[in-house]
Every structure is written in C-alpha cells, then in structure tokens.
Amino acid sequence: MRFEIKYCNILDSVLVIDTLGRMPLIQIHSQLSGHGLDCNDRDRAEKVQRYYESVCGFQRPLIQEVTSFEIKTEMTTRGTFRDKGDEIPHYDIYDNTGYHVLGSYDKEIIDGYYEWLTSELN
C-alpha cells in the first residue's frame, strides 16, 4: 500500500504516512517530521487511508468520481470564552462529491494539501 498507518508514541497519536513522500511535510514532534497526516485515532486513520488510496493510489477505478477539490472558508470562534469580534477563519477542503477531506485553522496546511491533492489527480 502507498499510505501506511503508523502509531507515534511521542504524540500518542496515529499517523497516515505517504510512502512515496509526496504528501506535504508535517511536523510530528520538535525533532521529527514526515509526509503524512495526524489522524488522532485508528478509525479516522483507516478512513483517510482508504480515501487517499482510492484518489491517489496505484489501482484507480476506470471511472473515477473525484475530479477536483475546493477550499471553503468559514468564520468561527475558537475556544469557549471568545467575543463575537474574535472570529477567525477555518479552512476546509472538499472534493467534487461533497466529501470533507481536511479542515484546519492554518491556511498553509490547507494550501499544501490542496496543491498535493490536485497534483495527484493529474
């Protein structure tokens, strides 16, 4: 498989790693980094792995449903004691089928994954 699920005991988290090293580089710990995504738990990691394998994997179906990605921005409050004026942007990537691929408050992370996913489709 191209995408491997690995457990990182430093973070106490589950990661999906791109064995080809094409995914954006993430900081796993102050001294560790890897091409992948921190998925928090095994169930989410398996779901992400299946999705990436179907979109970016070597054995694509003849008719591929996912043909494009889109970034959507929503203003949200982060935390419990924020005033209405403290709204910050939250960015989400969706594919053309409406599936939510990734969300983050960090625009650089979203831009990196958007570019990677778009390039994998071509």
C-alpha atoms as a PDB file:
ATOM      1  CA  MET A   1       0.000   0.000   0.000  1.00  0.00           C
ATOM      2  CA  ARG A   2       1.121   3.512  -0.711  1.00  0.00           C
ATOM      3  CA  PHE A   3      -0.294   5.010   2.510  1.00  0.00           C
ATOM      4  CA  GLU A   4       0.732   3.371   5.786  1.00  0.00           C
ATOM      5  CA  ILE A   5      -0.822   3.775   9.211  1.00  0.00           C
ATOM      6  CA  LYS A   6       1.778   4.247  11.935  1.00  0.00           C
ATOM      7  CA  TYR A   7       1.483   4.892  15.656  1.00  0.00           C
ATOM      8  CA  CYS A   8       3.659   7.647  17.108  1.00  0.00           C
ATOM      9  CA  ASN A   9       4.117   7.123  20.850  1.00  0.00           C
ATOM     10  CA  ILE A  10       5.737  10.550  21.226  1.00  0.00           C
ATOM     11  CA  LEU A  11       2.451  12.190  20.276  1.00  0.00           C
ATOM     12  CA  ASP A  12       0.252   9.310  21.405  1.00  0.00           C
ATOM     13  CA  SER A  13      -1.371   9.609  18.001  1.00  0.00           C
ATOM     14  CA  VAL A  14      -1.991   7.671  14.794  1.00  0.00           C
ATOM     15  CA  LEU A  15      -0.497   8.917  11.533  1.00  0.00           C
ATOM     16  CA  VAL A  16      -1.152   8.177   7.869  1.00  0.00           C
ATOM     17  CA  ILE A  17       2.216   8.315   6.095  1.00  0.00           C
ATOM     18  CA  ASP A  18       2.761   8.601   2.326  1.00  0.00           C
ATOM     19  CA  THR A  19       5.473   6.058   1.476  1.00  0.00           C
ATOM     20  CA  LEU A  20       6.327   7.987  -1.723  1.00  0.00           C
ATOM     21  CA  GLY A  21       6.897  11.171   0.273  1.00  0.00           C
ATOM     22  CA  ARG A  22       4.588  13.254  -1.906  1.00  0.00           C
ATOM     23  CA  MET A  23       2.187  14.441   0.788  1.00  0.00           C
ATOM     24  CA  PRO A  24       3.053  17.761   2.461  1.00  0.00           C
ATOM     25  CA  LEU A  25       5.670  17.520   5.192  1.00  0.00           C
ATOM     26  CA  ILE A  26       4.212  17.765   8.705  1.00  0.00           C
ATOM     27  CA  GLN A  27       5.985  18.417  11.989  1.00  0.00           C
ATOM     28  CA  ILE A  28       5.303  15.355  14.146  1.00  0.00           C
ATOM     29  CA  HIS A  29       7.461  16.433  17.067  1.00  0.00           C
ATOM     30  CA  SER A  30      10.147  19.082  17.569  1.00  0.00           C
ATOM     31  CA  GLN A  31      12.758  16.723  16.076  1.00  0.00           C
ATOM     32  CA  LEU A  32      10.538  14.568  13.854  1.00  0.00           C
ATOM     33  CA  SER A  33       8.701  15.260  10.638  1.00  0.00           C
ATOM     34  CA  GLY A  34       7.059  13.142   7.974  1.00  0.00           C
ATOM     35  CA  HIS A  35       4.983  13.225   4.809  1.00  0.00           C
ATOM     36  CA  GLY A  36       1.520  12.462   6.133  1.00  0.00           C
ATOM     37  CA  LEU A  37      -1.377  13.441   8.338  1.00  0.00           C
ATOM     38  CA  ASP A  38      -2.036  13.189  12.084  1.00  0.00           C
ATOM     39  CA  CYS A  39      -5.381  11.382  12.372  1.00  0.00           C
ATOM     40  CA  ASN A  40      -5.862  11.191  16.169  1.00  0.00           C
ATOM     41  CA  ASP A  41      -7.274   7.663  16.159  1.00  0.00           C
ATOM     42  CA  ARG A  42      -7.114   4.381  14.248  1.00  0.00           C
ATOM     43  CA  ASP A  43     -10.657   4.551  12.819  1.00  0.00           C
ATOM     44  CA  ARG A  44     -10.059   8.003  11.315  1.00  0.00           C
ATOM     45  CA  ALA A  45      -6.645   6.884  10.008  1.00  0.00           C
ATOM     46  CA  GLU A  46      -8.184   3.884   8.239  1.00  0.00           C
ATOM     47  CA  LYS A  47     -10.867   6.099   6.688  1.00  0.00           C
ATOM     48  CA  VAL A  48      -8.244   8.616   5.495  1.00  0.00           C
ATOM     49  CA  GLN A  49      -6.020   5.816   4.185  1.00  0.00           C
ATOM     50  CA  ARG A  50      -8.884   4.293   2.146  1.00  0.00           C
ATOM     51  CA  TYR A  51      -9.804   7.694   0.728  1.00  0.00           C
ATOM     52  CA  TYR A  52      -6.240   8.581  -0.283  1.00  0.00           C
ATOM     53  CA  GLU A  53      -5.693   5.123  -1.777  1.00  0.00           C
ATOM     54  CA  SER A  54      -8.827   5.473  -3.908  1.00  0.00           C
ATOM     55  CA  VAL A  55      -7.955   9.004  -5.057  1.00  0.00           C
ATOM     56  CA  CYS A  56      -4.148   8.816  -5.287  1.00  0.00           C
ATOM     57  CA  GLY A  57      -3.414   5.094  -5.255  1.00  0.00           C
ATOM     58  CA  PHE A  58      -1.963   2.958  -7.973  1.00  0.00           C
ATOM     59  CA  GLN A  59      -5.151   0.994  -8.699  1.00  0.00           C
ATOM     60  CA  ARG A  60      -7.639   3.658  -9.698  1.00  0.00           C
ATOM     61  CA  PRO A  61     -11.069   2.602 -10.882  1.00  0.00           C
ATOM     62  CA  LEU A  62     -11.787   3.102 -14.572  1.00  0.00           C
ATOM     63  CA  ILE A  63     -14.391   5.755 -13.781  1.00  0.00           C
ATOM     64  CA  GLN A  64     -13.115   7.992 -11.021  1.00  0.00           C
ATOM     65  CA  GLU A  65     -15.711  10.035  -9.178  1.00  0.00           C
ATOM     66  CA  VAL A  66     -13.289  12.543  -7.635  1.00  0.00           C
ATOM     67  CA  THR A  67     -12.182  15.017 -10.287  1.00  0.00           C
ATOM     68  CA  SER A  68     -11.480  18.232  -8.347  1.00  0.00           C
ATOM     69  CA  PHE A  69     -11.094  19.841  -4.922  1.00  0.00           C
ATOM     70  CA  GLU A  70     -12.284  23.123  -3.443  1.00  0.00           C
ATOM     71  CA  ILE A  71     -11.308  25.194  -0.401  1.00  0.00           C
ATOM     72  CA  LYS A  72     -14.138  26.697   1.648  1.00  0.00           C
ATOM     73  CA  THR A  73     -13.617  29.316   4.362  1.00  0.00           C
ATOM     74  CA  GLU A  74     -15.892  29.853   7.342  1.00  0.00           C
ATOM     75  CA  MET A  75     -15.500  32.376  10.155  1.00  0.00           C
ATOM     76  CA  THR A  76     -15.676  30.630  13.535  1.00  0.00           C
ATOM     77  CA  THR A  77     -14.923  31.264  17.184  1.00  0.00           C
ATOM     78  CA  ARG A  78     -12.189  29.132  18.667  1.00  0.00           C
ATOM     79  CA  GLY A  79     -12.448  28.395  22.362  1.00  0.00           C
ATOM     80  CA  THR A  80     -15.301  28.878  24.806  1.00  0.00           C
ATOM     81  CA  PHE A  81     -14.850  32.451  26.067  1.00  0.00           C
ATOM     82  CA  ARG A  82     -14.464  34.377  22.814  1.00  0.00           C
ATOM     83  CA  ASP A  83     -16.301  37.564  21.978  1.00  0.00           C
ATOM     84  CA  LYS A  84     -18.177  37.875  18.707  1.00  0.00           C
ATOM     85  CA  GLY A  85     -15.344  40.055  17.338  1.00  0.00           C
ATOM     86  CA  ASP A  86     -12.829  37.247  17.922  1.00  0.00           C
ATOM     87  CA  GLU A  87     -13.890  35.176  14.925  1.00  0.00           C
ATOM     88  CA  ILE A  88     -11.099  33.592  12.933  1.00  0.00           C
ATOM     89  CA  PRO A  89     -11.165  31.788   9.579  1.00  0.00           C
ATOM     90  CA  HIS A  90     -11.427  27.986   9.428  1.00  0.00           C
ATOM     91  CA  TYR A  91     -10.474  26.372   6.125  1.00  0.00           C
ATOM     92  CA  ASP A  92     -11.884  23.121   4.733  1.00  0.00           C
ATOM     93  CA  ILE A  93     -11.087  21.060   1.645  1.00  0.00           C
ATOM     94  CA  TYR A  94     -13.975  19.276  -0.080  1.00  0.00           C
ATOM     95  CA  ASP A  95     -13.883  17.105  -3.174  1.00  0.00           C
ATOM     96  CA  ASN A  96     -16.394  17.495  -6.014  1.00  0.00           C
ATOM     97  CA  THR A  97     -18.606  14.778  -4.489  1.00  0.00           C
ATOM     98  CA  GLY A  98     -19.045  16.873  -1.310  1.00  0.00           C
ATOM     99  CA  TYR A  99     -16.769  14.698   0.867  1.00  0.00           C
ATOM    100  CA  HIS A 100     -14.937  16.668   3.591  1.00  0.00           C
ATOM    101  CA  VAL A 101     -11.254  15.836   3.124  1.00  0.00           C
ATOM    102  CA  LEU A 102      -9.462  18.063   5.630  1.00  0.00           C
ATOM    103  CA  GLY A 103     -10.040  21.062   7.886  1.00  0.00           C
ATOM    104  CA  SER A 104      -7.645  23.403   9.647  1.00  0.00           C
ATOM    105  CA  TYR A 105      -7.239  26.903  11.050  1.00  0.00           C
ATOM    106  CA  ASP A 106      -3.819  27.003   9.338  1.00  0.00           C
ATOM    107  CA  LYS A 107      -4.088  28.286   5.744  1.00  0.00           C
ATOM    108  CA  GLU A 108      -0.592  26.991   4.861  1.00  0.00           C
ATOM    109  CA  ILE A 109      -1.567  23.416   5.755  1.00  0.00           C
ATOM    110  CA  ILE A 110      -4.757  23.650   3.690  1.00  0.00           C
ATOM    111  CA  ASP A 111      -2.928  25.189   0.719  1.00  0.00           C
ATOM    112  CA  GLY A 112      -0.261  22.463   0.862  1.00  0.00           C
ATOM    113  CA  TYR A 113      -2.777  19.618   0.912  1.00  0.00           C
ATOM    114  CA  TYR A 114      -4.914  21.279  -1.758  1.00  0.00           C
ATOM    115  CA  GLU A 115      -1.904  21.539  -4.105  1.00  0.00           C
ATOM    116  CA  TRP A 116      -0.874  17.950  -3.369  1.00  0.00           C
ATOM    117  CA  LEU A 117      -4.351  16.502  -3.919  1.00  0.00           C
ATOM    118  CA  THR A 118      -4.839  18.481  -7.121  1.00  0.00           C
ATOM    119  CA  SER A 119      -1.479  17.337  -8.489  1.00  0.00           C
ATOM    120  CA  GLU A 120      -2.264  13.701  -7.634  1.00  0.00           C
ATOM    121  CA  LEU A 121      -5.420  13.836  -9.757  1.00  0.00           C
ATOM    122  CA  ASN A 122      -3.482  14.973 -12.839  1.00  0.00           C
END
